[in-house]
C-alpha atoms as a PDB file:
ATOM      1  CA  UNK A   1     -34.344  18.789  -3.229  1.00  0.00           C
ATOM      2  CA  UNK A   2     -31.678  16.993  -5.356  1.00  0.00           C
ATOM      3  CA  UNK A   3     -29.197  19.753  -4.186  1.00  0.00           C
ATOM      4  CA  UNK A   4     -29.899  18.871  -0.548  1.00  0.00           C
ATOM      5  CA  UNK A   5     -29.521  15.398  -1.168  1.00  0.00           C
ATOM      6  CA  UNK A   6     -26.240  15.836  -3.186  1.00  0.00           C
ATOM      7  CA  UNK A   7     -25.065  17.986  -0.311  1.00  0.00           C
ATOM      8  CA  UNK A   8     -25.875  15.690   2.057  1.00  0.00           C
ATOM      9  CA  UNK A   9     -24.181  12.743   0.468  1.00  0.00           C
ATOM     10  CA  UNK A  10     -20.980  14.834  -0.168  1.00  0.00           C
ATOM     11  CA  UNK A  11     -20.584  15.341   3.515  1.00  0.00           C
ATOM     12  CA  UNK A  12     -21.210  12.105   4.618  1.00  0.00           C
ATOM     13  CA  UNK A  13     -18.519  10.926   2.120  1.00  0.00           C
ATOM     14  CA  UNK A  14     -16.030  13.375   3.346  1.00  0.00           C
ATOM     15  CA  UNK A  15     -16.755  12.654   6.862  1.00  0.00           C
ATOM     16  CA  UNK A  16     -16.203   8.872   6.048  1.00  0.00           C
ATOM     17  CA  UNK A  17     -12.894   9.722   4.235  1.00  0.00           C
ATOM     18  CA  UNK A  18     -11.794  11.868   7.611  1.00  0.00           C
ATOM     19  CA  UNK A  19     -12.782   9.013   9.739  1.00  0.00           C
ATOM     20  CA  UNK A  20     -11.226   6.313   7.595  1.00  0.00           C
ATOM     21  CA  UNK A  21      -8.028   8.578   7.487  1.00  0.00           C
ATOM     22  CA  UNK A  22      -8.206   8.918  11.249  1.00  0.00           C
ATOM     23  CA  UNK A  23      -8.573   5.180  11.922  1.00  0.00           C
ATOM     24  CA  UNK A  24      -5.774   4.349   9.543  1.00  0.00           C
ATOM     25  CA  UNK A  25      -3.256   6.714  11.284  1.00  0.00           C
ATOM     26  CA  UNK A  26      -4.382   5.114  14.564  1.00  0.00           C
ATOM     27  CA  UNK A  27      -3.764   1.694  13.390  1.00  0.00           C
ATOM     28  CA  UNK A  28      -0.480   2.846  11.534  1.00  0.00           C
ATOM     29  CA  UNK A  29       0.514   4.205  15.030  1.00  0.00           C
ATOM     30  CA  UNK A  30      -0.249   0.821  16.727  1.00  0.00           C
ATOM     31  CA  UNK A  31       1.312  -1.360  14.227  1.00  0.00           C
ATOM     32  CA  UNK A  32       4.708   0.926  13.950  1.00  0.00           C
ATOM     33  CA  UNK A  33       7.872  -0.783  15.118  1.00  0.00           C
ATOM     34  CA  UNK A  34      11.403   0.269  14.414  1.00  0.00           C
ATOM     35  CA  UNK A  35      14.782  -0.830  15.374  1.00  0.00           C
ATOM     36  CA  UNK A  36      17.751   1.847  15.574  1.00  0.00           C
ATOM     37  CA  UNK A  37      21.370   0.943  15.986  1.00  0.00           C
ATOM     38  CA  UNK A  38      23.196   3.245  18.454  1.00  0.00           C
ATOM     39  CA  UNK A  39      26.732   3.677  18.352  1.00  0.00           C
ATOM     40  CA  UNK A  40      29.360   5.118  20.903  1.00  0.00           C
ATOM     41  CA  UNK A  41      32.975   4.953  21.748  1.00  0.00           C
ATOM     42  CA  UNK A  42      32.774   4.308  25.306  1.00  0.00           C
ATOM     43  CA  UNK A  43      33.945   1.310  27.624  1.00  0.00           C
ATOM     44  CA  UNK A  44      31.033  -0.617  28.786  1.00  0.00           C
ATOM     45  CA  UNK A  45      32.324   0.492  32.446  1.00  0.00           C
ATOM     46  CA  UNK A  46      31.901   4.074  31.754  1.00  0.00           C
ATOM     47  CA  UNK A  47      28.988   6.000  32.984  1.00  0.00           C
ATOM     48  CA  UNK A  48      27.811   7.331  29.748  1.00  0.00           C
ATOM     49  CA  UNK A  49      27.769   3.645  28.486  1.00  0.00           C
ATOM     50  CA  UNK A  50      25.772   2.842  31.527  1.00  0.00           C
ATOM     51  CA  UNK A  51      23.390   5.714  31.140  1.00  0.00           C
ATOM     52  CA  UNK A  52      22.796   5.025  27.360  1.00  0.00           C
ATOM     53  CA  UNK A  53      21.919   1.591  28.265  1.00  0.00           C
ATOM     54  CA  UNK A  54      19.145   2.509  30.820  1.00  0.00           C
ATOM     55  CA  UNK A  55      17.882   5.044  28.373  1.00  0.00           C
ATOM     56  CA  UNK A  56      17.463   2.098  25.866  1.00  0.00           C
ATOM     57  CA  UNK A  57      15.899  -0.125  28.436  1.00  0.00           C
ATOM     58  CA  UNK A  58      13.367   2.475  29.236  1.00  0.00           C
ATOM     59  CA  UNK A  59      12.292   3.384  25.775  1.00  0.00           C
ATOM     60  CA  UNK A  60      11.641  -0.118  24.721  1.00  0.00           C
ATOM     61  CA  UNK A  61       9.545  -0.562  27.935  1.00  0.00           C
ATOM     62  CA  UNK A  62       7.714   2.514  27.528  1.00  0.00           C
ATOM     63  CA  UNK A  63       6.734   2.110  24.000  1.00  0.00           C
ATOM     64  CA  UNK A  64       5.981  -1.603  24.584  1.00  0.00           C
ATOM     65  CA  UNK A  65       8.529  -2.703  22.300  1.00  0.00           C
ATOM     66  CA  UNK A  66       7.621  -0.566  19.325  1.00  0.00           C
ATOM     67  CA  UNK A  67      10.897   1.338  19.511  1.00  0.00           C
ATOM     68  CA  UNK A  68      14.166  -0.885  20.069  1.00  0.00           C
ATOM     69  CA  UNK A  69      17.518   0.621  20.669  1.00  0.00           C
ATOM     70  CA  UNK A  70      20.274  -1.770  19.863  1.00  0.00           C
ATOM     71  CA  UNK A  71      23.568  -0.348  21.735  1.00  0.00           C
ATOM     72  CA  UNK A  72      26.922  -0.789  20.412  1.00  0.00           C
ATOM     73  CA  UNK A  73      29.583   0.372  22.816  1.00  0.00           C
ATOM     74  CA  UNK A  74      33.297   0.746  22.043  1.00  0.00           C
ATOM     75  CA  UNK A  75      33.085   1.799  18.448  1.00  0.00           C
ATOM     76  CA  UNK A  76      31.791  -1.928  17.537  1.00  0.00           C
ATOM     77  CA  UNK A  77      30.254  -0.148  14.514  1.00  0.00           C
ATOM     78  CA  UNK A  78      30.386   3.192  12.561  1.00  0.00           C
ATOM     79  CA  UNK A  79      31.650   5.850  15.089  1.00  0.00           C
ATOM     80  CA  UNK A  80      33.027   9.374  15.077  1.00  0.00           C
ATOM     81  CA  UNK A  81      32.833  10.967  11.755  1.00  0.00           C
ATOM     82  CA  UNK A  82      31.518   7.696  10.097  1.00  0.00           C
ATOM     83  CA  UNK A  83      28.679   7.461  12.608  1.00  0.00           C
ATOM     84  CA  UNK A  84      27.569  10.954  11.963  1.00  0.00           C
ATOM     85  CA  UNK A  85      27.719  10.327   8.351  1.00  0.00           C
ATOM     86  CA  UNK A  86      25.389   7.306   8.715  1.00  0.00           C
ATOM     87  CA  UNK A  87      22.762   9.767  10.498  1.00  0.00           C
ATOM     88  CA  UNK A  88      23.247  12.348   7.467  1.00  0.00           C
ATOM     89  CA  UNK A  89      22.538   9.353   4.971  1.00  0.00           C
ATOM     90  CA  UNK A  90      19.318   8.548   6.534  1.00  0.00           C
ATOM     91  CA  UNK A  91      20.260   5.219   8.389  1.00  0.00           C
ATOM     92  CA  UNK A  92      18.356   3.687  11.118  1.00  0.00           C
ATOM     93  CA  UNK A  93      20.900   4.958  13.410  1.00  0.00           C
ATOM     94  CA  UNK A  94      21.794   6.874  16.462  1.00  0.00           C
ATOM     95  CA  UNK A  95      25.253   8.474  16.625  1.00  0.00           C
ATOM     96  CA  UNK A  96      26.375   9.755  20.065  1.00  0.00           C
ATOM     97  CA  UNK A  97      29.512  11.709  19.621  1.00  0.00           C
ATOM     98  CA  UNK A  98      31.376  14.887  20.448  1.00  0.00           C
ATOM     99  CA  UNK A  99      29.700  17.963  19.029  1.00  0.00           C
ATOM    100  CA  UNK A 100      32.711  18.811  16.810  1.00  0.00           C
ATOM    101  CA  UNK A 101      31.545  16.015  14.545  1.00  0.00           C
ATOM    102  CA  UNK A 102      28.335  17.802  13.852  1.00  0.00           C
ATOM    103  CA  UNK A 103      30.706  21.008  13.362  1.00  0.00           C
ATOM    104  CA  UNK A 104      31.589  19.310  10.138  1.00  0.00           C
ATOM    105  CA  UNK A 105      27.899  20.380   8.957  1.00  0.00           C
ATOM    106  CA  UNK A 106      27.263  23.394  11.129  1.00  0.00           C
ATOM    107  CA  UNK A 107      30.627  25.106  12.295  1.00  0.00           C
ATOM    108  CA  UNK A 108      29.068  26.726  15.535  1.00  0.00           C
ATOM    109  CA  UNK A 109      29.098  23.442  16.990  1.00  0.00           C
ATOM    110  CA  UNK A 110      32.911  23.037  16.592  1.00  0.00           C
ATOM    111  CA  UNK A 111      33.018  26.508  18.183  1.00  0.00           C
ATOM    112  CA  UNK A 112      30.523  25.444  20.878  1.00  0.00           C
ATOM    113  CA  UNK A 113      32.951  22.995  22.309  1.00  0.00           C
ATOM    114  CA  UNK A 114      36.272  24.916  21.425  1.00  0.00           C
ATOM    115  CA  UNK A 115      38.998  24.806  23.943  1.00  0.00           C
ATOM    116  CA  UNK A 116      39.306  26.583  27.173  1.00  0.00           C
ATOM    117  CA  UNK A 117      35.815  27.737  27.509  1.00  0.00           C
ATOM    118  CA  UNK A 118      34.032  26.620  30.570  1.00  0.00           C
ATOM    119  CA  UNK A 119      34.502  26.696  34.199  1.00  0.00           C
ATOM    120  CA  UNK A 120      32.038  24.190  34.985  1.00  0.00           C
ATOM    121  CA  UNK A 121      29.364  22.020  33.870  1.00  0.00           C
ATOM    122  CA  UNK A 122      26.579  24.442  34.612  1.00  0.00           C
ATOM    123  CA  UNK A 123      27.926  26.899  32.091  1.00  0.00           C
ATOM    124  CA  UNK A 124      27.748  24.533  29.363  1.00  0.00           C
ATOM    125  CA  UNK A 125      24.058  23.456  30.115  1.00  0.00           C
ATOM    126  CA  UNK A 126      22.804  27.079  30.456  1.00  0.00           C
ATOM    127  CA  UNK A 127      24.735  27.893  27.012  1.00  0.00           C
ATOM    128  CA  UNK A 128      22.894  25.218  25.095  1.00  0.00           C
ATOM    129  CA  UNK A 129      19.485  26.233  25.865  1.00  0.00           C
ATOM    130  CA  UNK A 130      19.930  29.809  24.739  1.00  0.00           C
ATOM    131  CA  UNK A 131      18.287  30.963  21.675  1.00  0.00           C
ATOM    132  CA  UNK A 132      21.649  31.268  19.898  1.00  0.00           C
ATOM    133  CA  UNK A 133      22.215  27.386  20.195  1.00  0.00           C
ATOM    134  CA  UNK A 134      18.644  26.876  19.376  1.00  0.00           C
ATOM    135  CA  UNK A 135      19.067  28.736  16.053  1.00  0.00           C
ATOM    136  CA  UNK A 136      22.307  26.481  15.306  1.00  0.00           C
ATOM    137  CA  UNK A 137      20.080  23.461  15.953  1.00  0.00           C
ATOM    138  CA  UNK A 138      17.536  24.733  13.223  1.00  0.00           C
ATOM    139  CA  UNK A 139      20.549  25.096  10.790  1.00  0.00           C
ATOM    140  CA  UNK A 140      21.644  21.266  11.333  1.00  0.00           C
ATOM    141  CA  UNK A 141      18.068  20.001  10.916  1.00  0.00           C
ATOM    142  CA  UNK A 142      18.377  21.503   7.274  1.00  0.00           C
ATOM    143  CA  UNK A 143      21.537  19.453   6.926  1.00  0.00           C
ATOM    144  CA  UNK A 144      19.404  16.051   8.038  1.00  0.00           C
ATOM    145  CA  UNK A 145      20.428  15.820  11.353  1.00  0.00           C
ATOM    146  CA  UNK A 146      18.058  16.095  14.633  1.00  0.00           C
ATOM    147  CA  UNK A 147      19.881  16.218  17.823  1.00  0.00           C
ATOM    148  CA  UNK A 148      18.229  14.667  20.582  1.00  0.00           C
ATOM    149  CA  UNK A 149      20.468  15.932  23.131  1.00  0.00           C
ATOM    150  CA  UNK A 150      23.943  17.786  23.665  1.00  0.00           C
ATOM    151  CA  UNK A 151      23.971  17.203  27.434  1.00  0.00           C
ATOM    152  CA  UNK A 152      25.884  14.068  27.805  1.00  0.00           C
ATOM    153  CA  UNK A 153      28.600  15.541  29.886  1.00  0.00           C
ATOM    154  CA  UNK A 154      31.433  13.120  31.225  1.00  0.00           C
ATOM    155  CA  UNK A 155      33.800  15.313  32.838  1.00  0.00           C
ATOM    156  CA  UNK A 156      36.603  18.123  31.700  1.00  0.00           C
ATOM    157  CA  UNK A 157      39.483  16.574  29.448  1.00  0.00           C
ATOM    158  CA  UNK A 158      42.852  16.520  30.946  1.00  0.00           C
ATOM    159  CA  UNK A 159      46.376  15.363  29.741  1.00  0.00           C
ATOM    160  CA  UNK A 160      47.358  11.868  30.965  1.00  0.00           C
ATOM    161  CA  UNK A 161      51.069  11.067  30.424  1.00  0.00           C
ATOM    162  CA  UNK A 162      54.051   9.698  32.362  1.00  0.00           C
ATOM    163  CA  UNK A 163      55.486  12.991  33.383  1.00  0.00           C
ATOM    164  CA  UNK A 164      54.497  16.222  35.174  1.00  0.00           C
ATOM    165  CA  UNK A 165      53.012  18.979  32.655  1.00  0.00           C
ATOM    166  CA  UNK A 166      52.535  22.446  33.898  1.00  0.00           C
ATOM    167  CA  UNK A 167      53.192  24.798  30.728  1.00  0.00           C
ATOM    168  CA  UNK A 168      53.268  24.695  26.730  1.00  0.00           C
ATOM    169  CA  UNK A 169      57.142  24.014  26.916  1.00  0.00           C
ATOM    170  CA  UNK A 170      56.555  20.926  28.633  1.00  0.00           C
ATOM    171  CA  UNK A 171      54.747  19.370  25.663  1.00  0.00           C
ATOM    172  CA  UNK A 172      57.558  19.692  23.116  1.00  0.00           C
ATOM    173  CA  UNK A 173      57.819  16.575  21.450  1.00  0.00           C
ATOM    174  CA  UNK A 174      55.182  14.751  23.186  1.00  0.00           C
ATOM    175  CA  UNK A 175      52.985  12.533  20.906  1.00  0.00           C
ATOM    176  CA  UNK A 176      49.338  12.531  22.533  1.00  0.00           C
ATOM    177  CA  UNK A 177      46.581  10.066  21.280  1.00  0.00           C
ATOM    178  CA  UNK A 178      43.642  12.136  20.121  1.00  0.00           C
ATOM    179  CA  UNK A 179      40.272  11.200  18.203  1.00  0.00           C
ATOM    180  CA  UNK A 180      40.133  12.111  14.804  1.00  0.00           C
ATOM    181  CA  UNK A 181      38.240  15.341  15.075  1.00  0.00           C
ATOM    182  CA  UNK A 182      39.895  18.395  13.705  1.00  0.00           C
ATOM    183  CA  UNK A 183      38.988  20.307  16.814  1.00  0.00           C
ATOM    184  CA  UNK A 184      41.251  17.823  18.973  1.00  0.00           C
ATOM    185  CA  UNK A 185      44.282  17.672  16.613  1.00  0.00           C
ATOM    186  CA  UNK A 186      44.445  21.431  16.155  1.00  0.00           C
ATOM    187  CA  UNK A 187      44.111  22.089  19.949  1.00  0.00           C
ATOM    188  CA  UNK A 188      46.562  19.424  21.104  1.00  0.00           C
ATOM    189  CA  UNK A 189      48.846  20.903  18.652  1.00  0.00           C
ATOM    190  CA  UNK A 190      48.552  24.453  19.564  1.00  0.00           C
ATOM    191  CA  UNK A 191      49.170  23.512  23.198  1.00  0.00           C
ATOM    192  CA  UNK A 192      52.512  22.404  22.119  1.00  0.00           C
ATOM    193  CA  UNK A 193      52.215  18.689  21.756  1.00  0.00           C
ATOM    194  CA  UNK A 194      52.165  16.289  18.730  1.00  0.00           C
ATOM    195  CA  UNK A 195      48.572  15.305  18.059  1.00  0.00           C
ATOM    196  CA  UNK A 196      48.237  11.723  16.943  1.00  0.00           C
ATOM    197  CA  UNK A 197      44.644  10.633  15.968  1.00  0.00           C
ATOM    198  CA  UNK A 198      43.966   6.931  16.569  1.00  0.00           C
ATOM    199  CA  UNK A 199      40.670   5.038  17.142  1.00  0.00           C
ATOM    200  CA  UNK A 200      39.833   4.373  20.903  1.00  0.00           C
ATOM    201  CA  UNK A 201      40.322   0.583  20.275  1.00  0.00           C
ATOM    202  CA  UNK A 202      44.122   1.218  19.040  1.00  0.00           C
ATOM    203  CA  UNK A 203      45.068   3.420  22.081  1.00  0.00           C
ATOM    204  CA  UNK A 204      46.155   1.057  24.649  1.00  0.00           C
ATOM    205  CA  UNK A 205      48.525  -0.911  22.373  1.00  0.00           C
ATOM    206  CA  UNK A 206      49.787   2.394  20.870  1.00  0.00           C
ATOM    207  CA  UNK A 207      50.657   3.490  24.660  1.00  0.00           C
ATOM    208  CA  UNK A 208      52.186   0.005  25.418  1.00  0.00           C
ATOM    209  CA  UNK A 209      54.135   0.051  22.313  1.00  0.00           C
ATOM    210  CA  UNK A 210      55.440   3.639  22.520  1.00  0.00           C
ATOM    211  CA  UNK A 211      53.603   4.934  19.282  1.00  0.00           C
ATOM    212  CA  UNK A 212      52.176   7.654  21.597  1.00  0.00           C
ATOM    213  CA  UNK A 213      53.452   9.009  24.856  1.00  0.00           C
ATOM    214  CA  UNK A 214      49.852   9.803  26.427  1.00  0.00           C
ATOM    215  CA  UNK A 215      46.404  10.850  25.802  1.00  0.00           C
ATOM    216  CA  UNK A 216      43.626  13.180  26.804  1.00  0.00           C
ATOM    217  CA  UNK A 217      40.555  12.496  28.773  1.00  0.00           C
ATOM    218  CA  UNK A 218      38.489  12.603  31.663  1.00  0.00           C
ATOM    219  CA  UNK A 219      39.024  11.135  35.169  1.00  0.00           C
ATOM    220  CA  UNK A 220      35.701   9.206  34.616  1.00  0.00           C
ATOM    221  CA  UNK A 221      37.509   7.551  31.661  1.00  0.00           C
ATOM    222  CA  UNK A 222      40.792   6.907  33.221  1.00  0.00           C
ATOM    223  CA  UNK A 223      39.087   5.084  35.933  1.00  0.00           C
ATOM    224  CA  UNK A 224      36.440   3.186  34.030  1.00  0.00           C
ATOM    225  CA  UNK A 225      38.822   2.238  31.090  1.00  0.00           C
ATOM    226  CA  UNK A 226      41.729   1.767  33.435  1.00  0.00           C
ATOM    227  CA  UNK A 227      44.115   4.039  31.479  1.00  0.00           C
ATOM    228  CA  UNK A 228      46.349   4.131  34.625  1.00  0.00           C
ATOM    229  CA  UNK A 229      47.425   0.406  33.961  1.00  0.00           C
ATOM    230  CA  UNK A 230      49.238   1.417  31.006  1.00  0.00           C
ATOM    231  CA  UNK A 231      51.862   3.282  33.136  1.00  0.00           C
ATOM    232  CA  UNK A 232      50.456   6.691  32.525  1.00  0.00           C
ATOM    233  CA  UNK A 233      50.057   7.970  35.779  1.00  0.00           C
ATOM    234  CA  UNK A 234      50.341  11.570  35.501  1.00  0.00           C
ATOM    235  CA  UNK A 235      47.429  13.932  34.964  1.00  0.00           C
ATOM    236  CA  UNK A 236      47.797  17.640  34.313  1.00  0.00           C
ATOM    237  CA  UNK A 237      44.486  19.514  35.055  1.00  0.00           C
ATOM    238  CA  UNK A 238      44.306  21.432  31.844  1.00  0.00           C
ATOM    239  CA  UNK A 239      40.480  21.055  31.622  1.00  0.00           C
ATOM    240  CA  UNK A 240      41.314  22.124  27.923  1.00  0.00           C
ATOM    241  CA  UNK A 241      37.879  20.669  26.705  1.00  0.00           C
ATOM    242  CA  UNK A 242      34.740  19.806  28.548  1.00  0.00           C
ATOM    243  CA  UNK A 243      34.043  16.238  27.659  1.00  0.00           C
ATOM    244  CA  UNK A 244      30.351  15.932  26.255  1.00  0.00           C
ATOM    245  CA  UNK A 245      28.652  14.296  23.713  1.00  0.00           C
ATOM    246  CA  UNK A 246      25.676  14.845  21.901  1.00  0.00           C
ATOM    247  CA  UNK A 247      22.628  12.344  20.569  1.00  0.00           C
ATOM    248  CA  UNK A 248      22.009  12.505  16.873  1.00  0.00           C
ATOM    249  CA  UNK A 249      19.414  10.743  14.348  1.00  0.00           C
ATOM    250  CA  UNK A 250      18.401  11.371  10.968  1.00  0.00           C
ATOM    251  CA  UNK A 251      15.371  14.091  10.408  1.00  0.00           C
ATOM    252  CA  UNK A 252      14.153  11.573   7.700  1.00  0.00           C
ATOM    253  CA  UNK A 253      14.089   8.695  10.190  1.00  0.00           C
ATOM    254  CA  UNK A 254      12.706  10.945  13.126  1.00  0.00           C
ATOM    255  CA  UNK A 255       9.924  12.007  10.702  1.00  0.00           C
ATOM    256  CA  UNK A 256       8.530   8.346  10.576  1.00  0.00           C
ATOM    257  CA  UNK A 257       8.428   8.122  14.357  1.00  0.00           C
ATOM    258  CA  UNK A 258       4.951   8.551  15.711  1.00  0.00           C
ATOM    259  CA  UNK A 259       4.830  11.739  17.747  1.00  0.00           C
ATOM    260  CA  UNK A 260       3.798   9.769  20.942  1.00  0.00           C
ATOM    261  CA  UNK A 261       7.063   7.805  20.487  1.00  0.00           C
ATOM    262  CA  UNK A 262       8.839  10.842  19.656  1.00  0.00           C
ATOM    263  CA  UNK A 263       7.930  12.575  23.255  1.00  0.00           C
ATOM    264  CA  UNK A 264       9.180   9.288  25.113  1.00  0.00           C
ATOM    265  CA  UNK A 265      12.617   9.158  23.041  1.00  0.00           C
ATOM    266  CA  UNK A 266      13.351  12.945  23.765  1.00  0.00           C
ATOM    267  CA  UNK A 267      12.037  12.643  27.253  1.00  0.00           C
ATOM    268  CA  UNK A 268      14.235   9.540  28.094  1.00  0.00           C
ATOM    269  CA  UNK A 269      17.560  10.816  26.615  1.00  0.00           C
ATOM    270  CA  UNK A 270      16.816  14.441  28.300  1.00  0.00           C
ATOM    271  CA  UNK A 271      16.204  12.900  31.762  1.00  0.00           C
ATOM    272  CA  UNK A 272      19.189  10.579  31.772  1.00  0.00           C
ATOM    273  CA  UNK A 273      21.700  13.254  30.802  1.00  0.00           C
ATOM    274  CA  UNK A 274      20.322  15.104  33.995  1.00  0.00           C
ATOM    275  CA  UNK A 275      20.985  12.232  35.899  1.00  0.00           C
ATOM    276  CA  UNK A 276      24.285  11.723  34.513  1.00  0.00           C
ATOM    277  CA  UNK A 277      25.338  15.293  35.341  1.00  0.00           C
ATOM    278  CA  UNK A 278      24.233  14.960  38.889  1.00  0.00           C
ATOM    279  CA  UNK A 279      26.218  11.815  39.496  1.00  0.00           C
ATOM    280  CA  UNK A 280      29.499  13.230  37.868  1.00  0.00           C
ATOM    281  CA  UNK A 281      29.153  16.199  40.446  1.00  0.00           C
ATOM    282  CA  UNK A 282      28.658  13.734  43.304  1.00  0.00           C
ATOM    283  CA  UNK A 283      31.257  11.072  42.202  1.00  0.00           C
ATOM    284  CA  UNK A 284      34.406  13.362  41.039  1.00  0.00           C
ATOM    285  CA  UNK A 285      35.933  13.780  44.349  1.00  0.00           C
ATOM    286  CA  UNK A 286      35.556  10.109  44.979  1.00  0.00           C
ATOM    287  CA  UNK A 287      36.787   9.279  41.424  1.00  0.00           C
ATOM    288  CA  UNK A 288      40.076  11.322  41.980  1.00  0.00           C
ATOM    289  CA  UNK A 289      40.595   9.544  45.245  1.00  0.00           C
ATOM    290  CA  UNK A 290      40.314   6.115  43.667  1.00  0.00           C
ATOM    291  CA  UNK A 291      42.797   7.057  40.765  1.00  0.00           C
ATOM    292  CA  UNK A 292      45.262   8.389  43.682  1.00  0.00           C
ATOM    293  CA  UNK A 293      45.002   4.967  45.277  1.00  0.00           C
ATOM    294  CA  UNK A 294      46.001   3.401  41.895  1.00  0.00           C
ATOM    295  CA  UNK A 295      48.797   5.445  41.999  1.00  0.00           C
ATOM    296  CA  UNK A 296      47.929   8.506  39.743  1.00  0.00           C
ATOM    297  CA  UNK A 297      49.111  11.987  40.445  1.00  0.00           C
ATOM    298  CA  UNK A 298      47.550  15.297  39.786  1.00  0.00           C
ATOM    299  CA  UNK A 299      49.009  18.686  39.113  1.00  0.00           C
ATOM    300  CA  UNK A 300      47.736  22.177  38.181  1.00  0.00           C
ATOM    301  CA  UNK A 301      48.980  24.034  35.180  1.00  0.00           C
ATOM    302  CA  UNK A 302      49.638  27.381  34.007  1.00  0.00           C
ATOM    303  CA  UNK A 303      46.188  27.947  32.530  1.00  0.00           C
ATOM    304  CA  UNK A 304      46.666  31.247  30.992  1.00  0.00           C
ATOM    305  CA  UNK A 305      49.621  30.126  29.133  1.00  0.00           C
ATOM    306  CA  UNK A 306      47.813  27.291  27.395  1.00  0.00           C
ATOM    307  CA  UNK A 307      44.743  29.495  26.885  1.00  0.00           C
ATOM    308  CA  UNK A 308      47.057  31.938  25.009  1.00  0.00           C
ATOM    309  CA  UNK A 309      48.189  29.137  22.690  1.00  0.00           C
ATOM    310  CA  UNK A 310      44.754  28.056  21.941  1.00  0.00           C
ATOM    311  CA  UNK A 311      42.870  31.322  21.252  1.00  0.00           C
ATOM    312  CA  UNK A 312      43.945  31.634  17.745  1.00  0.00           C
ATOM    313  CA  UNK A 313      42.125  28.426  16.848  1.00  0.00           C
ATOM    314  CA  UNK A 314      38.858  31.001  16.936  1.00  0.00           C
ATOM    315  CA  UNK A 315      40.321  33.055  14.306  1.00  0.00           C
ATOM    316  CA  UNK A 316      40.780  30.575  11.314  1.00  0.00           C
ATOM    317  CA  UNK A 317      42.668  27.796  13.007  1.00  0.00           C
ATOM    318  CA  UNK A 318      39.500  25.627  12.592  1.00  0.00           C
ATOM    319  CA  UNK A 319      37.415  24.927   9.548  1.00  0.00           C
ATOM    320  CA  UNK A 320      34.517  27.413   9.432  1.00  0.00           C
ATOM    321  CA  UNK A 321      35.042  28.821  12.956  1.00  0.00           C
ATOM    322  CA  UNK A 322      35.209  32.378  13.230  1.00  0.00           C
ATOM    323  CA  UNK A 323      35.997  35.061  15.857  1.00  0.00           C
ATOM    324  CA  UNK A 324      32.357  36.261  15.512  1.00  0.00           C
ATOM    325  CA  UNK A 325      31.293  32.955  16.646  1.00  0.00           C
ATOM    326  CA  UNK A 326      33.725  32.908  19.890  1.00  0.00           C
ATOM    327  CA  UNK A 327      32.813  36.639  20.627  1.00  0.00           C
ATOM    328  CA  UNK A 328      29.062  35.345  20.582  1.00  0.00           C
ATOM    329  CA  UNK A 329      29.586  32.522  22.823  1.00  0.00           C
ATOM    330  CA  UNK A 330      31.780  34.497  25.323  1.00  0.00           C
ATOM    331  CA  UNK A 331      28.907  37.210  25.305  1.00  0.00           C
ATOM    332  CA  UNK A 332      26.425  34.770  26.336  1.00  0.00           C
ATOM    333  CA  UNK A 333      28.810  33.108  28.881  1.00  0.00           C
ATOM    334  CA  UNK A 334      29.506  36.606  30.375  1.00  0.00           C
ATOM    335  CA  UNK A 335      25.453  36.877  31.003  1.00  0.00           C
ATOM    336  CA  UNK A 336      25.562  33.452  32.274  1.00  0.00           C
ATOM    337  CA  UNK A 337      28.384  34.019  34.786  1.00  0.00           C
ATOM    338  CA  UNK A 338      26.772  37.392  35.892  1.00  0.00           C
ATOM    339  CA  UNK A 339      23.406  35.427  36.556  1.00  0.00           C
ATOM    340  CA  UNK A 340      25.065  32.671  38.629  1.00  0.00           C
ATOM    341  CA  UNK A 341      26.884  35.361  40.687  1.00  0.00           C
ATOM    342  CA  UNK A 342      23.673  37.007  41.685  1.00  0.00           C
END
């Protein structure tokens, strides 16, 4: 009999502990709040900046204020490499940057957004959802970076200057502003120009003072940031990069957020990325017309000539990037293109 009483008491105690733990967890989730600072380099008038604002607003609403995201456009706080470093150090911070910056930690992501890879947005969208890229994401989490999205596309990047560029020889001696990413610097140099890395905030004064002769960027950036007002009104359709950003947060910080809020955050970033891509597809032709009305002229280029100049970057021209990575990407793109043509 004493053994039975002891067993009953033990079960009662264990049950109470489980119930107490569950209550504490529930209370902990109900009391949970977090404020995250989100940084990106885009002008407030650009579509990506507008999309990020919508995401922040909806997350705040759907979590009843438990998750607040304060946005800092235009590189007001840490951006580019510094922003990703904030994430790695475990700051309460979200970095929205080109995937080449996380390529500093897992080089496959530099290859993922390398030059002259994609013909359209859909190819990239399909590629980032493959098991190959998913395995790269797992490597990145081992480095302390959780990717909330890789799909914030803002258009193909082209050369914006005051002259007609059709082949690599036309870029000899031309200084082009680039971000500080090794990928951008080496690609622009390989294409024939002199890459000049500058923060976005210094770009317009550099153009006006002749420090640089032009830059590279998308039509949406050209219109939204009014780049054409600098007098650089010739756009060469190089499409050398697909302009895209990922959204990154510390794995350590992410683990502190209750699952019910994690689901809301992931959903909202994924949903708005899809909305943005749909808008880009619908609006690109109109953006071209608006730029032409501002005096911007567009021209086609010898794409094979530029591709021949940049292919070497996949073979030792970029830190950590290998021919094998390039071949893996091309193999997946071949499958994606075959399916699209069925």
